[in-house]
């Protein structure tokens, strides 16, 4: 048997996309159909904790929440809560780690892009867990008799944020139809699921500590020169926009 050129192309595409923006899928306004694909550990839903708003730094993984490591920022947040003032609690809430959810999906009509990662919020996560636990649907990720999901995404009039509604198809279906490659193609997709461990840069406690020190030094300097408090500077639109941009990339608002 000769080498499978199409499979090699898929592997190369997956390698090039690792850690890049093409790995992530974000639903567009309207309806799209996806299939959550199975993972080797039996759990397609991955949870990560992120810190935001530490100066100009983008969101980054929490060493404490994700890996149980010492975390200077987590300790700083705890100290702010312990102070108990309105300003310290406000700052603590802005700096504390936030939970985000991810799953590997195949987007119908875009199968040529392979498996990508969908990032979603708590409400969508709850819908998905309730669906998975509904005995009427069985294993929605099954490659032979799984269930496609219709994602309806967008803002209703007057809403500030878009919402995500998830509706399962009434009939089961294979991950890949025979005429499109069947089980061989499905296996190819599953072999090229993006590596969750490589999706986001992992910072060491020392790196987080250095980022915190730099941010605190900048806050102190700004307070002394402008007369503004640290909380006033921290609550600026600029830091809100940093978090909003990161959330938009990973589709966390639903």
Protein backbone atom coordinates (compact mmCIF):
# COMPACT_ATOMS: atom_id res chain seq x y z
CA UNK A 1 0.00 0.00 0.00
CA UNK A 2 1.34 3.44 -0.94
CA UNK A 3 1.42 6.45 1.33
CA UNK A 4 -1.92 8.19 1.91
CA UNK A 5 -1.26 11.66 0.51
CA UNK A 6 -4.55 13.12 1.74
CA UNK A 7 -3.84 11.98 5.27
CA UNK A 8 -0.36 13.49 5.10
CA UNK A 9 -1.86 16.80 3.96
CA UNK A 10 -4.23 16.73 6.92
CA UNK A 11 -1.39 16.04 9.34
CA UNK A 12 0.66 18.90 7.90
CA UNK A 13 -2.30 21.28 8.15
CA UNK A 14 -2.87 20.25 11.77
CA UNK A 15 0.81 20.80 12.57
CA UNK A 16 0.80 24.26 11.01
CA UNK A 17 -2.37 25.21 12.83
CA UNK A 18 -1.24 24.05 16.27
CA UNK A 19 -1.53 26.95 18.68
CA UNK A 20 -2.66 29.32 15.93
CA UNK A 21 -5.96 31.13 15.46
CA UNK A 22 -7.07 28.56 12.85
CA UNK A 23 -7.33 25.99 15.63
CA UNK A 24 -10.28 27.84 17.14
CA UNK A 25 -13.81 28.00 15.78
CA UNK A 26 -16.18 30.84 16.59
CA UNK A 27 -19.82 30.64 15.49
CA UNK A 28 -21.07 33.38 13.22
CA UNK A 29 -24.45 35.08 13.51
CA UNK A 30 -27.20 32.73 12.45
CA UNK A 31 -27.23 28.93 12.38
CA UNK A 32 -24.39 26.48 11.92
CA UNK A 33 -24.21 22.74 12.44
CA UNK A 34 -21.39 21.07 14.32
CA UNK A 35 -20.44 17.67 15.67
CA UNK A 36 -18.58 17.31 18.95
CA UNK A 37 -15.98 14.61 18.38
CA UNK A 38 -14.88 12.00 20.92
CA UNK A 39 -11.57 12.24 22.75
CA UNK A 40 -9.34 9.43 23.95
CA UNK A 41 -10.06 10.14 27.62
CA UNK A 42 -13.84 10.02 27.16
CA UNK A 43 -14.30 13.67 28.13
CA UNK A 44 -14.61 16.10 25.20
CA UNK A 45 -15.24 19.07 27.50
CA UNK A 46 -12.10 20.76 28.81
CA UNK A 47 -12.05 23.43 31.49
CA UNK A 48 -9.38 26.09 31.93
CA UNK A 49 -8.99 29.02 34.28
CA UNK A 50 -7.68 32.35 32.99
CA UNK A 51 -6.52 35.61 34.54
CA UNK A 52 -7.25 38.84 32.68
CA UNK A 53 -6.52 42.53 32.98
CA UNK A 54 -3.02 42.37 34.42
CA UNK A 55 -1.82 45.47 32.61
CA UNK A 56 -1.33 44.97 28.87
CA UNK A 57 -1.01 41.18 29.22
CA UNK A 58 -3.57 39.09 27.38
CA UNK A 59 -5.48 36.43 29.26
CA UNK A 60 -3.21 33.68 30.57
CA UNK A 61 -3.64 30.37 32.38
CA UNK A 62 -3.80 30.43 36.17
CA UNK A 63 -0.96 28.30 37.63
CA UNK A 64 -2.99 27.74 40.82
CA UNK A 65 -6.36 26.83 39.33
CA UNK A 66 -5.08 24.76 36.43
CA UNK A 67 -2.02 23.04 37.86
CA UNK A 68 -2.14 23.46 41.64
CA UNK A 69 1.09 25.46 41.60
CA UNK A 70 2.05 28.45 43.72
CA UNK A 71 0.55 31.54 42.15
CA UNK A 72 1.59 35.05 43.25
CA UNK A 73 -1.42 36.58 41.51
CA UNK A 74 -3.83 34.21 43.27
CA UNK A 75 -2.23 35.13 46.59
CA UNK A 76 -2.51 38.83 45.75
CA UNK A 77 -6.20 38.41 44.91
CA UNK A 78 -6.78 36.65 48.21
CA UNK A 79 -5.07 39.47 50.08
CA UNK A 80 -7.30 42.00 48.33
CA UNK A 81 -10.41 40.12 49.38
CA UNK A 82 -9.04 39.96 52.94
CA UNK A 83 -8.68 43.75 53.03
CA UNK A 84 -12.43 43.91 52.65
CA UNK A 85 -12.71 47.45 51.29
CA UNK A 86 -14.95 48.26 48.35
CA UNK A 87 -11.94 49.20 46.21
CA UNK A 88 -9.89 46.11 47.11
CA UNK A 89 -12.82 43.76 46.49
CA UNK A 90 -13.51 45.43 43.15
CA UNK A 91 -9.88 44.96 42.11
CA UNK A 92 -9.85 41.37 43.36
CA UNK A 93 -12.91 40.47 41.30
CA UNK A 94 -11.31 41.91 38.18
CA UNK A 95 -8.06 40.02 38.71
CA UNK A 96 -9.40 36.67 39.95
CA UNK A 97 -9.27 33.66 37.62
CA UNK A 98 -12.27 32.93 35.43
CA UNK A 99 -13.36 29.55 34.14
CA UNK A 100 -13.71 28.87 30.41
CA UNK A 101 -14.84 25.77 28.53
CA UNK A 102 -13.67 24.14 25.28
CA UNK A 103 -14.59 21.18 23.07
CA UNK A 104 -13.26 19.69 19.80
CA UNK A 105 -15.78 20.10 16.98
CA UNK A 106 -16.18 19.36 13.30
CA UNK A 107 -18.14 22.09 11.53
CA UNK A 108 -20.50 20.79 8.87
CA UNK A 109 -19.74 22.33 5.51
CA UNK A 110 -16.19 23.08 6.66
CA UNK A 111 -14.94 19.53 7.12
CA UNK A 112 -11.90 20.33 4.99
CA UNK A 113 -10.60 22.43 7.93
CA UNK A 114 -10.58 19.38 10.19
CA UNK A 115 -11.34 19.34 13.90
CA UNK A 116 -11.19 22.71 15.62
CA UNK A 117 -11.69 23.97 19.16
CA UNK A 118 -14.89 25.71 20.18
CA UNK A 119 -14.67 27.93 23.26
CA UNK A 120 -17.95 28.68 25.03
CA UNK A 121 -19.38 30.03 28.25
CA UNK A 122 -21.18 28.56 31.23
CA UNK A 123 -24.70 28.69 29.78
CA UNK A 124 -23.72 26.79 26.63
CA UNK A 125 -21.75 24.33 28.77
CA UNK A 126 -24.83 23.63 30.87
CA UNK A 127 -26.90 22.99 27.74
CA UNK A 128 -24.28 20.55 26.46
CA UNK A 129 -24.02 18.63 29.75
CA UNK A 130 -27.80 18.31 29.99
CA UNK A 131 -27.87 16.99 26.44
CA UNK A 132 -25.08 14.48 27.11
CA UNK A 133 -26.91 13.21 30.21
CA UNK A 134 -30.24 12.87 28.38
CA UNK A 135 -30.72 9.13 27.77
CA UNK A 136 -32.84 9.86 24.69
CA UNK A 137 -29.71 10.86 22.76
CA UNK A 138 -27.08 8.40 23.92
CA UNK A 139 -23.48 9.23 23.09
CA UNK A 140 -23.71 12.33 20.90
CA UNK A 141 -20.01 11.98 19.99
CA UNK A 142 -20.31 8.42 18.68
CA UNK A 143 -18.62 8.18 15.28
CA UNK A 144 -21.28 5.84 13.87
CA UNK A 145 -24.51 6.97 15.54
CA UNK A 146 -23.76 10.33 17.09
CA UNK A 147 -25.79 13.53 16.94
CA UNK A 148 -25.07 16.75 15.09
CA UNK A 149 -25.89 19.98 16.92
CA UNK A 150 -27.45 23.10 15.42
CA UNK A 151 -25.90 26.21 16.93
CA UNK A 152 -28.01 29.35 16.76
CA UNK A 153 -25.87 32.31 17.69
CA UNK A 154 -26.53 36.05 17.83
CA UNK A 155 -27.94 39.01 19.72
CA UNK A 156 -31.63 39.52 20.27
CA UNK A 157 -32.88 43.14 20.06
CA UNK A 158 -31.87 44.98 23.20
CA UNK A 159 -29.36 42.35 24.32
CA UNK A 160 -25.87 43.48 25.23
CA UNK A 161 -24.23 40.12 24.52
CA UNK A 162 -24.94 37.39 21.98
CA UNK A 163 -26.45 34.11 23.13
CA UNK A 164 -25.97 30.52 22.01
CA UNK A 165 -28.86 28.08 21.63
CA UNK A 166 -28.08 24.42 20.98
CA UNK A 167 -30.55 22.06 19.30
CA UNK A 168 -29.72 18.40 18.59
CA UNK A 169 -30.69 16.90 15.26
CA UNK A 170 -33.60 14.46 15.49
CA UNK A 171 -31.73 11.71 13.68
CA UNK A 172 -28.34 10.21 14.43
CA UNK A 173 -25.64 10.12 11.76
CA UNK A 174 -22.06 8.94 11.24
CA UNK A 175 -19.28 11.40 11.81
CA UNK A 176 -18.36 10.98 8.15
CA UNK A 177 -20.67 9.56 5.48
CA UNK A 178 -19.39 6.68 3.35
CA UNK A 179 -19.40 8.78 0.19
CA UNK A 180 -17.15 11.35 1.92
CA UNK A 181 -14.61 8.84 3.19
CA UNK A 182 -16.45 6.94 5.90
CA UNK A 183 -14.66 5.51 8.90
CA UNK A 184 -11.20 6.06 7.40
CA UNK A 185 -11.82 9.80 7.07
CA UNK A 186 -13.36 9.94 10.54
CA UNK A 187 -10.24 8.27 11.97
CA UNK A 188 -8.08 10.82 10.19
CA UNK A 189 -10.01 13.65 11.81
CA UNK A 190 -9.75 12.06 15.24
CA UNK A 191 -6.01 11.55 14.87
CA UNK A 192 -5.61 15.26 14.26
CA UNK A 193 -7.58 16.77 17.13
CA UNK A 194 -5.61 19.83 18.31
CA UNK A 195 -3.60 19.19 21.46
CA UNK A 196 -5.40 20.86 24.36
CA UNK A 197 -2.18 21.04 26.36
CA UNK A 198 -0.63 23.18 23.63
CA UNK A 199 -3.52 25.58 23.04
CA UNK A 200 -2.39 28.23 25.49
CA UNK A 201 1.00 29.32 26.73
CA UNK A 202 1.71 28.05 30.22
CA UNK A 203 3.41 30.63 32.41
CA UNK A 204 5.48 29.62 35.41
CA UNK A 205 4.75 31.04 38.87
CA UNK A 206 7.95 33.08 38.54
CA UNK A 207 6.75 34.60 35.25
CA UNK A 208 3.38 35.45 36.77
CA UNK A 209 5.13 37.01 39.75
CA UNK A 210 7.27 39.17 37.45
CA UNK A 211 4.17 40.29 35.54
CA UNK A 212 2.44 41.18 38.81
CA UNK A 213 5.46 43.13 40.08
CA UNK A 214 5.66 45.06 36.81
CA UNK A 215 1.96 45.85 36.94
CA UNK A 216 2.10 46.97 40.57
CA UNK A 217 5.12 49.18 39.85
CA UNK A 218 3.26 50.78 36.96
CA UNK A 219 0.16 51.29 39.07
CA UNK A 220 2.15 52.98 41.83
CA UNK A 221 3.93 55.25 39.38
CA UNK A 222 0.68 56.26 37.71
CA UNK A 223 -0.98 56.98 41.05
CA UNK A 224 1.88 59.17 42.20
CA UNK A 225 2.07 61.18 38.98
CA UNK A 226 -1.62 61.59 38.18
CA UNK A 227 -3.31 61.49 41.55
CA UNK A 228 -5.57 58.64 40.39
CA UNK A 229 -6.06 55.58 42.58
CA UNK A 230 -4.91 52.18 41.47
CA UNK A 231 -8.48 50.98 41.18
CA UNK A 232 -9.46 53.91 38.99
CA UNK A 233 -6.64 53.15 36.59
CA UNK A 234 -7.34 49.44 36.66
CA UNK A 235 -11.01 49.97 35.82
CA UNK A 236 -10.23 51.90 32.65
CA UNK A 237 -11.83 51.07 29.30
CA UNK A 238 -8.45 49.92 28.00
CA UNK A 239 -8.27 46.93 30.34
CA UNK A 240 -11.90 46.09 29.66
CA UNK A 241 -11.13 46.03 25.94
CA UNK A 242 -8.22 43.62 26.45
CA UNK A 243 -10.50 41.13 28.19
CA UNK A 244 -13.26 41.66 25.62
CA UNK A 245 -10.89 40.97 22.73
CA UNK A 246 -9.65 37.76 24.33
CA UNK A 247 -13.19 36.63 25.11
CA UNK A 248 -14.26 37.34 21.54
CA UNK A 249 -11.47 35.14 20.17
CA UNK A 250 -12.50 32.19 22.32
CA UNK A 251 -16.26 32.78 22.14
CA UNK A 252 -16.89 33.07 25.82
CA UNK A 253 -19.88 35.37 25.96
CA UNK A 254 -22.60 32.76 25.61
